[in-house]
Structure formats: structure tokens, C-alpha cells
Amino acid sequence: MNSLLIRGGHLVDPAQNIDEPRDILIVDGRVAEVGAPGKLQSADKVVNALGLIVAPGLIDLHVHLREPGQTHKETIATGTAAAAAGGFTSVCAMPNTKPVNDSPAITRWMQDPERGAVVNVFPIAAATAGSAGEKLSDFAALCRAGAVAVSDDGKPILDDALMHEALATAARLGIPVIQHAEDTRLTASAPMHLGVTSFRLGLRGQPAEAEWKIVERDIRLAEMAGAQLHVAHISTREGLALVREAKQRGLKVSAEACPHYFLFTDENCADYDTRYKMNPPLRTAADRDALLHGLVDGTLDIIASDHAPHAKFEKFVEFDRAAFGITGLEIVVGATLTHLHRARKVPLKRIIELLSTNPARIVHLEGRGTLAPGAHADVTVLDPKKRWIYDLSKTLSKSRNAPYGGMEFYGKVMKTIVAGNIVFEA
């Protein structure tokens, strides 16, 4: 048997309601025992976690690994290396690959050990064939192949009847539908948020209603179908209010925030800086503040990176022509601990809920999001007080399209452990 003892750390495991010093014994990739400090037997290897936070492995529900088909941007090997550096032990990979992940063969291919993943990869399959929005993919076959959810992500399902069918089909299988809430009929050729800044720059803008009207419709359809709906990267205060009201009515609706939406606003685009071009676009200060409040009060369920790598030639061009999206796997922990835990005194228990417990619950990853005995031995070790500056030149991602270079954060990943194996050390 292979064993690892994590000794001296402060365990934060919301699923077990533990927030106190504990040692953890791992045997053959599973948590064997959780005990009081100094009470567990020795092991083949010992990790000293004194003064550090030990948490269930972090899970990113929204990552673009670009493989197959777009390896000039990222590969599963490089993307998961960046994930490990960011403290993530599992990532859920969106289906907008080339070809689109709408088949069991591609779903299985993404999980093949030959891809070189260093963390767990859980594919999210396309909801419609080719993400074309015309007919549903085979949800049941995709689930059997390992898909944990369905989504057309950047190509949202606009047809009401088809979206209802997708929700009803997913409900029968017990999986969520993840929707990028955007009415693309209102956003064509619009590279940023519609507001004062877009007017000043002379750029077309995406109105907030393009998001919240789809959120409103999807909640209504999910209620009719008795389905589980997850709203990806929500960005508007109106959309957030609709999610809050749906939760108060007991509907199975969840939503995610991304660091860039609570760090920046549309004013960051003022110099036509394409590092701040993303979809949904950066919104107003009022929207940013609403998202921060939603993270504190429990309306928002998770924080995801929406890691979207692009090659330099795709990003560093005119603002209108530049690709949407930024990388971000390596800064999620720092951004969250800095702006929620340090600045707003959000407890670490809530932080781990946002980054581990809740993502595991939403996509039904049994034995993850907790370090209870018998669980998968995926562990993230953090120093919540560590001050550091992000050096984008040293990213493990294949792409560098991010605005975080040179930013200072408090809270750093010290070790990432997957199935009892250390895959990253600071």
C-alpha cells in the first residue's frame, strides 16, 4: 500500500462541518482516516502542513482545454498543469473543441491517460449536435462515456422548445444543463458591454438584457421540466436577482461567478485593451458590487475560472477582431482569498464551499468536495496569508492572454494532491 500523511494542518471541510486542526492519512488514493493532531500512524511519506489550510481538492466547473483541435492555444496536459498550479484537482472541460465534444468517442478520448492530464478531467458534453442548436445530442450515451453535464456554452440554446427538451432530458438522467445566458440576437458584432464606456470608444455594446432575459426564460423552463439549471459566468445584477428569487422558491438553480467579473469593470476596456475582452463582457461597477454581495450572501454557488486560452495572434489585434476570453486558472485562489476573505472577512468555510464543496454537488461528483474517510484523496493545501505577485511569464498554460500579470494577491496554493500524489508544489 502507498500511504501519505498530511500532518499539522488546519482542515476546512464544509461537507463534514470541520474547521479545526486535523491530520489526514491517505492510503492507495483514498482518505483512510482523519484524526486529531499527532494521533495517526506514520506513512510512507509525510507532508508538513503546519500553519496551512488543508481543504478538499478544488474543482473548476468551467474550463476550456481546447483539445482536440486547438492545440496552438492549449492542450489537456498544459491546461491541467496550470490547474494544478492553481490548486485545482479536478476540472470540467467545456465542449467547444474541434470537433465539438458531442459524441461518446470524443468524451472518452479527452479522458484517456495518453492526454497527459495531471488532474482529473470531467468533460461537459455539447447539448446539441455540433453545438448548432438544432437537435439534441445523445445525453444518455454521453453520460455513460463520462460526461457530467451538458452545455453549448458560447452558443446558447435560443429555441424555447429545444431548451425545454434539453432540460427535461437532462432531468431524467439526473445531470445539470449549463447555460451561457446570452441572447445572441441582441449581441451580434458587439465586443463589450453597452454603456458609457462603449459609447465613448465608439464600439457596439451588449445590453444587460441579453443576459437576464435568457436567465429569466431558462428558470421558467427549468421549473416546468423539474430540471437542474446552472447559469454559467453570470455578470449582471438583474440576472443575479432572478437566480436569488428562483432559489427562494426552491428551484434547482445554481450560478457561478468568475474572478474577472468581481475584479474589473467595463472601464478597464477604455484603452481598447483586448486583455479585458471577454464574453459575457465586463459590466458596470454596480454589477461588480452585486456579484460580490451574491458571493457573500450565498446566492452564487461557485467561483470558476472560465479559463479561455488564445494564441497571441488571436488576441493582440484590434478590439473588434480580438477573440473573447482570458486565462485564469492560476489566480482564482489568490483573487478569491484577497477580495473575499481578506477584504470582506468571508470565512474560509464559505471560500471552500465556493471552490470545492458546491462544484462537486452541482455536477454530482461522488467522493469529491470532501475529505471524509473513503473519499478520493484530492487535497489542496493553502497559505491564506501568503503575499505574492503573479508572474504571467511563468504560467504553465500554453497561452498568456490575461490581465493579471504583476497583480498582487494574498493567499497562495502550496501543494496540490491528486489521488494521494503530489502534482504541484509551490
Protein backbone atom coordinates (compact mmCIF):
# COMPACT_ATOMS: atom_id res chain seq x y z
CA MET A 1 0.00 0.00 0.00
CA ASN A 2 1.10 3.56 -0.75
CA SER A 3 0.42 5.99 2.09
CA LEU A 4 0.70 9.72 2.71
CA LEU A 5 0.19 11.57 5.98
CA ILE A 6 -0.73 15.26 5.95
CA ARG A 7 0.28 16.45 9.39
CA GLY A 8 -0.23 19.67 11.35
CA GLY A 9 -2.69 21.41 9.05
CA HIS A 10 -6.00 23.15 9.75
CA LEU A 11 -8.70 21.18 7.94
CA VAL A 12 -11.59 23.12 6.42
CA ASP A 13 -14.18 20.67 5.09
CA PRO A 14 -17.69 22.20 4.90
CA ALA A 15 -19.24 18.87 3.86
CA GLN A 16 -18.22 17.42 7.26
CA ASN A 17 -18.63 20.73 9.13
CA ILE A 18 -14.96 20.56 10.14
CA ASP A 19 -12.94 23.73 10.68
CA GLU A 20 -10.14 22.76 13.08
CA PRO A 21 -6.68 21.16 13.23
CA ARG A 22 -6.72 17.61 11.87
CA ASP A 23 -4.26 15.14 10.40
CA ILE A 24 -5.21 13.13 7.31
CA LEU A 25 -3.98 9.66 6.39
CA ILE A 26 -4.21 8.69 2.72
CA VAL A 27 -3.83 5.10 1.57
CA ASP A 28 -3.89 4.00 -2.07
CA GLY A 29 -5.52 7.17 -3.34
CA ARG A 30 -8.31 7.34 -0.77
CA VAL A 31 -8.73 9.09 2.55
CA ALA A 32 -8.21 6.35 5.13
CA GLU A 33 -8.56 8.33 8.35
CA VAL A 34 -9.00 11.87 9.68
CA GLY A 35 -7.79 12.33 13.23
CA ALA A 36 -6.70 14.72 15.95
CA PRO A 37 -3.20 16.18 15.54
CA GLY A 38 -0.48 13.65 16.30
CA LYS A 39 -2.84 10.68 16.70
CA LEU A 40 -2.47 8.99 13.32
CA GLN A 41 0.16 6.41 12.43
CA SER A 42 3.11 7.28 10.26
CA ALA A 43 3.13 6.77 6.49
CA ASP A 44 5.46 6.24 3.54
CA LYS A 45 5.56 9.99 3.06
CA VAL A 46 4.69 12.85 5.42
CA VAL A 47 3.59 16.34 4.35
CA ASN A 48 4.12 19.03 6.96
CA ALA A 49 1.13 21.40 6.74
CA LEU A 50 1.81 23.34 9.94
CA GLY A 51 0.32 26.82 9.68
CA LEU A 52 -1.50 25.94 6.45
CA ILE A 53 -5.11 25.27 5.42
CA VAL A 54 -5.90 21.78 4.21
CA ALA A 55 -9.02 21.60 2.02
CA PRO A 56 -10.83 19.13 -0.21
CA GLY A 57 -9.38 19.37 -3.70
CA LEU A 58 -10.66 22.42 -5.55
CA ILE A 59 -12.92 21.86 -8.57
CA ASP A 60 -13.23 24.26 -11.51
CA LEU A 61 -16.57 23.85 -13.24
CA HIS A 62 -15.75 25.99 -16.27
CA VAL A 63 -12.50 25.41 -18.17
CA HIS A 64 -11.62 25.43 -21.87
CA LEU A 65 -8.82 22.94 -22.51
CA ARG A 66 -9.02 23.45 -26.32
CA GLU A 67 -8.09 19.86 -27.13
CA PRO A 68 -8.93 18.25 -29.51
CA GLY A 69 -8.33 20.56 -32.42
CA GLN A 70 -6.92 23.79 -31.00
CA THR A 71 -3.60 22.77 -29.53
CA HIS A 72 -1.98 26.04 -30.61
CA LYS A 73 -3.93 27.56 -27.68
CA GLU A 74 -3.80 24.82 -25.04
CA THR A 75 -3.57 21.09 -24.56
CA ILE A 76 -5.11 18.92 -21.89
CA ALA A 77 -1.59 18.41 -20.50
CA THR A 78 -0.73 22.13 -20.29
CA GLY A 79 -4.19 23.19 -19.15
CA THR A 80 -4.26 20.68 -16.31
CA ALA A 81 -0.73 21.66 -15.29
CA ALA A 82 -1.98 25.24 -14.90
CA ALA A 83 -4.99 23.89 -12.99
CA ALA A 84 -2.73 22.06 -10.56
CA ALA A 85 -0.69 25.22 -10.03
CA GLY A 86 -3.96 26.96 -9.20
CA GLY A 87 -4.89 24.34 -6.60
CA PHE A 88 -7.49 22.57 -8.70
CA THR A 89 -7.57 18.80 -8.51
CA SER A 90 -10.47 18.47 -10.95
CA VAL A 91 -11.62 20.50 -13.95
CA CYS A 92 -14.77 20.29 -16.02
CA ALA A 93 -13.91 20.81 -19.67
CA MET A 94 -16.31 22.71 -21.93
CA PRO A 95 -17.25 21.13 -25.30
CA ASN A 96 -16.24 23.88 -27.76
CA THR A 97 -13.37 21.86 -29.17
CA LYS A 98 -12.74 20.99 -32.83
CA PRO A 99 -14.61 18.77 -33.42
CA VAL A 100 -17.19 19.71 -30.80
CA ASN A 101 -17.46 17.19 -27.97
CA ASP A 102 -20.90 15.88 -28.89
CA SER A 103 -20.03 12.17 -29.04
CA PRO A 104 -19.05 9.43 -26.57
CA ALA A 105 -15.87 8.83 -28.58
CA ILE A 106 -14.59 12.38 -28.04
CA THR A 107 -15.70 12.33 -24.38
CA ARG A 108 -13.68 9.16 -23.78
CA TRP A 109 -10.73 10.47 -25.82
CA MET A 110 -10.46 13.54 -23.57
CA GLN A 111 -10.17 11.28 -20.51
CA ASP A 112 -7.61 8.89 -21.98
CA PRO A 113 -4.36 8.78 -19.94
CA GLU A 114 -2.46 9.47 -23.17
CA ARG A 115 -3.68 13.09 -22.98
CA GLY A 116 -1.24 13.61 -20.09
CA ALA A 117 -3.66 15.22 -17.64
CA VAL A 118 -2.19 15.80 -14.18
CA VAL A 119 -5.59 16.46 -12.55
CA ASN A 120 -8.99 14.84 -13.03
CA VAL A 121 -10.79 15.85 -16.24
CA PHE A 122 -14.58 15.64 -16.30
CA PRO A 123 -15.95 16.52 -19.75
CA ILE A 124 -19.07 18.64 -20.20
CA ALA A 125 -20.64 17.47 -23.45
CA ALA A 126 -22.43 19.52 -26.08
CA ALA A 127 -26.17 19.79 -25.51
CA THR A 128 -26.90 19.86 -29.23
CA ALA A 129 -25.19 18.15 -32.16
CA GLY A 130 -22.23 20.25 -33.16
CA SER A 131 -23.50 22.91 -30.72
CA ALA A 132 -25.60 24.05 -33.67
CA GLY A 133 -28.80 24.44 -31.65
CA GLU A 134 -30.90 22.26 -33.93
CA LYS A 135 -31.21 18.82 -32.32
CA LEU A 136 -30.13 17.32 -29.01
CA SER A 137 -27.05 15.17 -28.70
CA ASP A 138 -27.39 11.72 -27.12
CA PHE A 139 -27.30 12.70 -23.43
CA ALA A 140 -27.52 9.13 -22.13
CA ALA A 141 -24.63 7.86 -24.24
CA LEU A 142 -22.52 10.89 -23.32
CA CYS A 143 -23.16 10.29 -19.62
CA ARG A 144 -22.15 6.65 -19.94
CA ALA A 145 -18.90 7.84 -21.55
CA GLY A 146 -18.16 10.13 -18.59
CA ALA A 147 -19.83 13.48 -19.27
CA VAL A 148 -21.03 15.17 -16.07
CA ALA A 149 -23.25 17.85 -17.64
CA VAL A 150 -24.35 19.24 -20.99
CA SER A 151 -23.89 22.73 -22.40
CA ASP A 152 -23.48 24.57 -25.68
CA ASP A 153 -21.62 27.27 -23.70
CA GLY A 154 -20.74 30.09 -26.12
CA LYS A 155 -23.59 29.12 -28.44
CA PRO A 156 -26.62 29.32 -26.12
CA ILE A 157 -29.78 27.43 -26.96
CA LEU A 158 -32.26 30.11 -28.04
CA ASP A 159 -35.18 27.97 -29.19
CA ASP A 160 -37.62 27.62 -26.29
CA ALA A 161 -38.91 24.18 -27.26
CA LEU A 162 -35.40 22.77 -27.72
CA MET A 163 -34.20 24.23 -24.42
CA HIS A 164 -37.21 22.73 -22.63
CA GLU A 165 -36.46 19.36 -24.25
CA ALA A 166 -32.82 19.59 -23.15
CA LEU A 167 -33.82 20.37 -19.57
CA ALA A 168 -36.41 17.58 -19.46
CA THR A 169 -33.98 15.03 -20.92
CA ALA A 170 -31.23 16.04 -18.50
CA ALA A 171 -33.68 15.85 -15.59
CA ARG A 172 -34.44 12.22 -16.40
CA LEU A 173 -30.71 11.45 -16.31
CA GLY A 174 -30.03 13.49 -13.16
CA ILE A 175 -27.49 15.86 -14.73
CA PRO A 176 -27.49 19.66 -14.97
CA VAL A 177 -27.84 21.78 -18.08
CA ILE A 178 -25.25 24.56 -18.03
CA GLN A 179 -26.28 27.63 -19.99
CA HIS A 180 -24.23 30.57 -21.23
CA ALA A 181 -27.04 33.09 -20.88
CA GLU A 182 -26.84 35.34 -23.91
CA ASP A 183 -29.45 36.28 -26.47
CA THR A 184 -27.09 36.45 -29.42
CA ARG A 185 -29.76 38.24 -31.46
CA LEU A 186 -29.04 41.27 -29.26
CA THR A 187 -25.25 40.99 -29.15
CA ALA A 188 -24.15 40.49 -32.77
CA SER A 189 -20.90 42.35 -33.54
CA ALA A 190 -20.82 43.81 -30.02
CA PRO A 191 -17.42 43.31 -28.34
CA MET A 192 -18.20 44.84 -24.93
CA HIS A 193 -20.91 45.96 -22.50
CA LEU A 194 -23.37 48.60 -23.68
CA GLY A 195 -22.77 51.68 -21.59
CA VAL A 196 -20.89 54.93 -21.21
CA THR A 197 -17.52 53.35 -21.97
CA SER A 198 -18.67 51.64 -25.17
CA PHE A 199 -20.23 54.92 -26.33
CA ARG A 200 -17.02 56.81 -25.65
CA LEU A 201 -14.94 54.18 -27.51
CA GLY A 202 -17.33 54.07 -30.45
CA LEU A 203 -17.95 50.34 -30.04
CA ARG A 204 -21.18 48.38 -30.25
CA GLY A 205 -22.35 47.21 -26.85
CA GLN A 206 -24.07 44.14 -25.41
CA PRO A 207 -27.09 45.20 -23.33
CA ALA A 208 -27.60 43.65 -19.89
CA GLU A 209 -30.99 42.36 -21.03
CA ALA A 210 -29.24 39.99 -23.45
CA GLU A 211 -28.18 38.03 -20.36
CA TRP A 212 -31.02 38.43 -17.91
CA LYS A 213 -33.79 37.69 -20.42
CA ILE A 214 -32.24 34.29 -21.12
CA VAL A 215 -31.79 33.66 -17.38
CA GLU A 216 -35.46 34.52 -16.86
CA ARG A 217 -36.60 32.20 -19.66
CA ASP A 218 -34.34 29.33 -18.59
CA ILE A 219 -35.57 29.48 -14.99
CA ARG A 220 -39.16 29.32 -16.24
CA LEU A 221 -38.40 26.33 -18.48
CA ALA A 222 -36.40 24.56 -15.75
CA GLU A 223 -39.33 24.90 -13.37
CA MET A 224 -41.68 23.41 -15.97
CA ALA A 225 -39.30 20.47 -16.57
CA GLY A 226 -38.36 19.92 -12.92
CA ALA A 227 -34.75 20.20 -14.07
CA GLN A 228 -31.42 21.33 -12.67
CA LEU A 229 -30.16 24.53 -14.29
CA HIS A 230 -26.71 26.03 -13.80
CA VAL A 231 -26.10 29.57 -15.04
CA ALA A 232 -22.51 29.97 -16.19
CA HIS A 233 -20.40 33.11 -15.54
CA ILE A 234 -23.27 35.40 -14.57
CA SER A 235 -22.36 39.06 -14.98
CA THR A 236 -25.41 41.28 -14.42
CA ARG A 237 -27.19 42.34 -11.23
CA GLU A 238 -30.55 41.67 -12.92
CA GLY A 239 -29.58 38.09 -13.74
CA LEU A 240 -28.33 37.59 -10.20
CA ALA A 241 -31.63 38.86 -8.77
CA LEU A 242 -33.52 36.31 -10.89
CA VAL A 243 -31.32 33.48 -9.56
CA ARG A 244 -31.86 34.68 -6.00
CA GLU A 245 -35.64 34.70 -6.45
CA ALA A 246 -35.60 31.22 -8.04
CA LYS A 247 -33.65 29.82 -5.11
CA GLN A 248 -36.08 31.38 -2.66
CA ARG A 249 -38.83 29.45 -4.46
CA GLY A 250 -36.90 26.21 -4.03
CA LEU A 251 -35.98 25.66 -7.67
CA LYS A 252 -32.89 23.67 -8.63
CA VAL A 253 -30.99 26.65 -9.96
CA SER A 254 -27.32 27.45 -9.33
CA ALA A 255 -24.95 30.08 -10.69
CA GLU A 256 -21.26 30.82 -10.89
CA ALA A 257 -19.07 33.91 -10.73
CA CYS A 258 -15.62 34.34 -12.25
CA PRO A 259 -12.81 36.42 -10.74
CA HIS A 260 -12.69 38.88 -13.64
CA TYR A 261 -16.30 39.90 -13.07
CA PHE A 262 -15.68 40.85 -9.45
CA LEU A 263 -12.22 42.33 -10.07
CA PHE A 264 -12.80 44.52 -13.13
CA THR A 265 -15.45 46.65 -14.88
CA ASP A 266 -16.09 47.78 -18.44
CA GLU A 267 -13.93 50.84 -17.72
CA ASN A 268 -10.89 48.55 -17.94
CA CYS A 269 -11.56 48.38 -21.70
CA ALA A 270 -11.08 52.15 -22.01
CA ASP A 271 -7.77 51.87 -23.88
CA TYR A 272 -9.04 49.17 -26.26
CA ASP A 273 -7.08 46.68 -24.16
CA THR A 274 -8.05 43.25 -25.51
CA ARG A 275 -6.88 41.54 -22.34
CA TYR A 276 -10.20 42.71 -20.89
CA LYS A 277 -12.32 41.46 -23.79
CA MET A 278 -14.46 38.52 -22.70
CA ASN A 279 -17.94 37.11 -23.07
CA PRO A 280 -20.09 37.90 -21.21
CA PRO A 281 -18.38 41.28 -21.17
CA LEU A 282 -17.16 43.15 -18.14
CA ARG A 283 -20.10 45.14 -16.79
CA THR A 284 -20.54 48.20 -14.57
CA ALA A 285 -19.32 48.86 -11.05
CA ALA A 286 -22.89 48.27 -9.82
CA ASP A 287 -22.90 44.82 -11.43
CA ARG A 288 -19.50 44.02 -9.93
CA ASP A 289 -20.66 45.04 -6.46
CA ALA A 290 -23.85 42.97 -6.82
CA LEU A 291 -21.77 39.88 -7.67
CA LEU A 292 -19.56 40.42 -4.64
CA HIS A 293 -22.68 40.66 -2.48
CA GLY A 294 -24.03 37.47 -4.09
CA LEU A 295 -20.83 35.63 -3.23
CA VAL A 296 -21.11 36.74 0.38
CA ASP A 297 -24.83 36.08 0.90
CA GLY A 298 -24.92 32.63 -0.74
CA THR A 299 -26.83 33.48 -3.92
CA LEU A 300 -23.83 32.50 -6.02
CA ASP A 301 -22.80 28.86 -5.60
CA ILE A 302 -19.32 28.65 -7.04
CA ILE A 303 -16.34 30.54 -8.39
CA ALA A 304 -14.97 29.22 -11.69
CA SER A 305 -12.11 30.47 -13.83
CA ASP A 306 -13.67 30.31 -17.33
CA HIS A 307 -10.05 29.68 -18.37
CA ALA A 308 -10.11 30.54 -22.08
CA PRO A 309 -6.63 30.40 -23.66
CA HIS A 310 -5.89 32.06 -27.00
CA ALA A 311 -2.73 32.38 -29.04
CA LYS A 312 -1.13 35.82 -29.28
CA PHE A 313 -2.19 36.34 -32.90
CA GLU A 314 -5.84 35.76 -31.94
CA LYS A 315 -5.86 38.20 -29.03
CA PHE A 316 -3.46 41.05 -29.71
CA VAL A 317 -5.28 42.63 -32.64
CA GLU A 318 -7.93 45.35 -32.99
CA PHE A 319 -10.54 45.20 -30.21
CA ASP A 320 -13.37 44.36 -32.63
CA ARG A 321 -11.40 41.47 -34.11
CA ALA A 322 -9.86 40.01 -30.96
CA ALA A 323 -11.06 36.71 -29.53
CA PHE A 324 -13.19 36.73 -26.39
CA GLY A 325 -11.75 35.30 -23.17
CA ILE A 326 -8.79 35.22 -20.78
CA THR A 327 -6.76 32.62 -18.93
CA GLY A 328 -7.11 32.42 -15.17
CA LEU A 329 -6.67 29.01 -13.55
CA GLU A 330 -3.61 30.08 -11.58
CA ILE A 331 -5.10 33.19 -9.90
CA VAL A 332 -8.55 32.04 -8.74
CA VAL A 333 -7.42 31.18 -5.21
CA GLY A 334 -5.43 34.38 -4.81
CA ALA A 335 -8.22 36.58 -6.16
CA THR A 336 -10.84 34.88 -4.00
CA LEU A 337 -8.86 34.98 -0.78
CA THR A 338 -7.76 38.57 -1.39
CA HIS A 339 -11.13 40.08 -2.30
CA LEU A 340 -13.48 37.91 -0.24
CA HIS A 341 -11.58 36.50 2.74
CA ARG A 342 -9.12 39.33 3.39
CA ALA A 343 -11.13 42.36 2.24
CA ARG A 344 -14.64 41.26 3.22
CA LYS A 345 -13.89 38.80 6.03
CA VAL A 346 -15.71 35.94 4.30
CA PRO A 347 -14.93 32.79 6.35
CA LEU A 348 -12.66 30.16 4.86
CA LYS A 349 -15.50 27.67 5.16
CA ARG A 350 -17.52 29.70 2.67
CA ILE A 351 -14.47 30.02 0.39
CA ILE A 352 -14.06 26.24 0.28
CA GLU A 353 -17.78 25.83 -0.38
CA LEU A 354 -17.41 28.09 -3.42
CA LEU A 355 -14.32 26.33 -4.75
CA SER A 356 -14.83 22.67 -3.82
CA THR A 357 -17.94 21.56 -1.94
CA ASN A 358 -20.52 23.21 -4.18
CA PRO A 359 -18.93 22.39 -7.54
CA ALA A 360 -18.84 18.71 -6.53
CA ARG A 361 -22.51 18.90 -5.54
CA ILE A 362 -23.66 20.62 -8.72
CA VAL A 363 -22.18 18.05 -11.12
CA HIS A 364 -22.64 15.14 -8.69
CA LEU A 365 -19.01 14.12 -8.23
CA GLU A 366 -19.41 11.48 -5.55
CA GLY A 367 -16.49 11.20 -3.16
CA ARG A 368 -15.10 14.62 -4.09
CA GLY A 369 -15.52 18.01 -2.47
CA THR A 370 -14.85 16.40 0.91
CA LEU A 371 -12.07 14.62 2.78
CA ALA A 372 -14.29 12.21 4.66
CA PRO A 373 -12.91 8.68 5.09
CA GLY A 374 -13.35 6.81 1.83
CA ALA A 375 -13.32 9.93 -0.32
CA HIS A 376 -10.92 10.40 -3.21
CA ALA A 377 -7.64 11.73 -1.83
CA ASP A 378 -7.73 15.02 -3.73
CA VAL A 379 -6.34 17.74 -1.47
CA THR A 380 -5.42 21.41 -1.78
CA VAL A 381 -3.02 22.93 0.76
CA LEU A 382 -3.20 26.74 1.05
CA ASP A 383 -1.45 29.55 2.84
CA PRO A 384 -4.22 32.17 3.18
CA LYS A 385 -1.81 34.88 4.34
CA LYS A 386 0.95 34.44 1.77
CA ARG A 387 1.56 37.60 -0.26
CA TRP A 388 2.66 37.04 -3.84
CA ILE A 389 2.78 38.71 -7.24
CA TYR A 390 1.57 36.85 -10.31
CA ASP A 391 4.30 36.46 -12.94
CA LEU A 392 2.44 35.79 -16.17
CA SER A 393 5.70 34.90 -17.93
CA LYS A 394 5.90 31.77 -15.77
CA THR A 395 2.39 30.50 -16.42
CA LEU A 396 2.07 26.76 -17.07
CA SER A 397 -0.70 27.44 -19.57
CA LYS A 398 0.26 27.48 -23.23
CA SER A 399 -1.31 30.93 -23.62
CA ARG A 400 -0.80 34.24 -21.81
CA ASN A 401 -3.93 36.22 -22.65
CA ALA A 402 -4.65 37.54 -19.17
CA PRO A 403 -4.63 40.94 -17.42
CA TYR A 404 -3.31 39.59 -14.12
CA GLY A 405 0.43 39.92 -14.73
CA GLY A 406 2.04 41.94 -11.95
CA MET A 407 -1.05 41.89 -9.72
CA GLU A 408 -0.56 41.31 -6.00
CA PHE A 409 -2.59 38.69 -4.16
CA TYR A 410 -2.87 37.32 -0.64
CA GLY A 411 -3.40 33.58 -0.40
CA LYS A 412 -1.33 31.03 -2.29
CA VAL A 413 -1.54 27.37 -3.22
CA MET A 414 1.32 25.47 -1.58
CA LYS A 415 0.54 21.89 -2.64
CA THR A 416 -1.95 20.15 -4.89
CA ILE A 417 -2.53 16.45 -4.31
CA VAL A 418 -4.49 14.18 -6.68
CA ALA A 419 -5.32 10.61 -5.67
CA GLY A 420 -2.67 10.85 -2.96
CA ASN A 421 0.07 12.03 -5.34
CA ILE A 422 1.62 15.49 -5.12
CA VAL A 423 1.19 17.06 -8.58
CA PHE A 424 2.20 20.62 -7.68
CA GLU A 425 4.39 22.24 -5.02
CA ALA A 426 4.95 25.98 -4.71
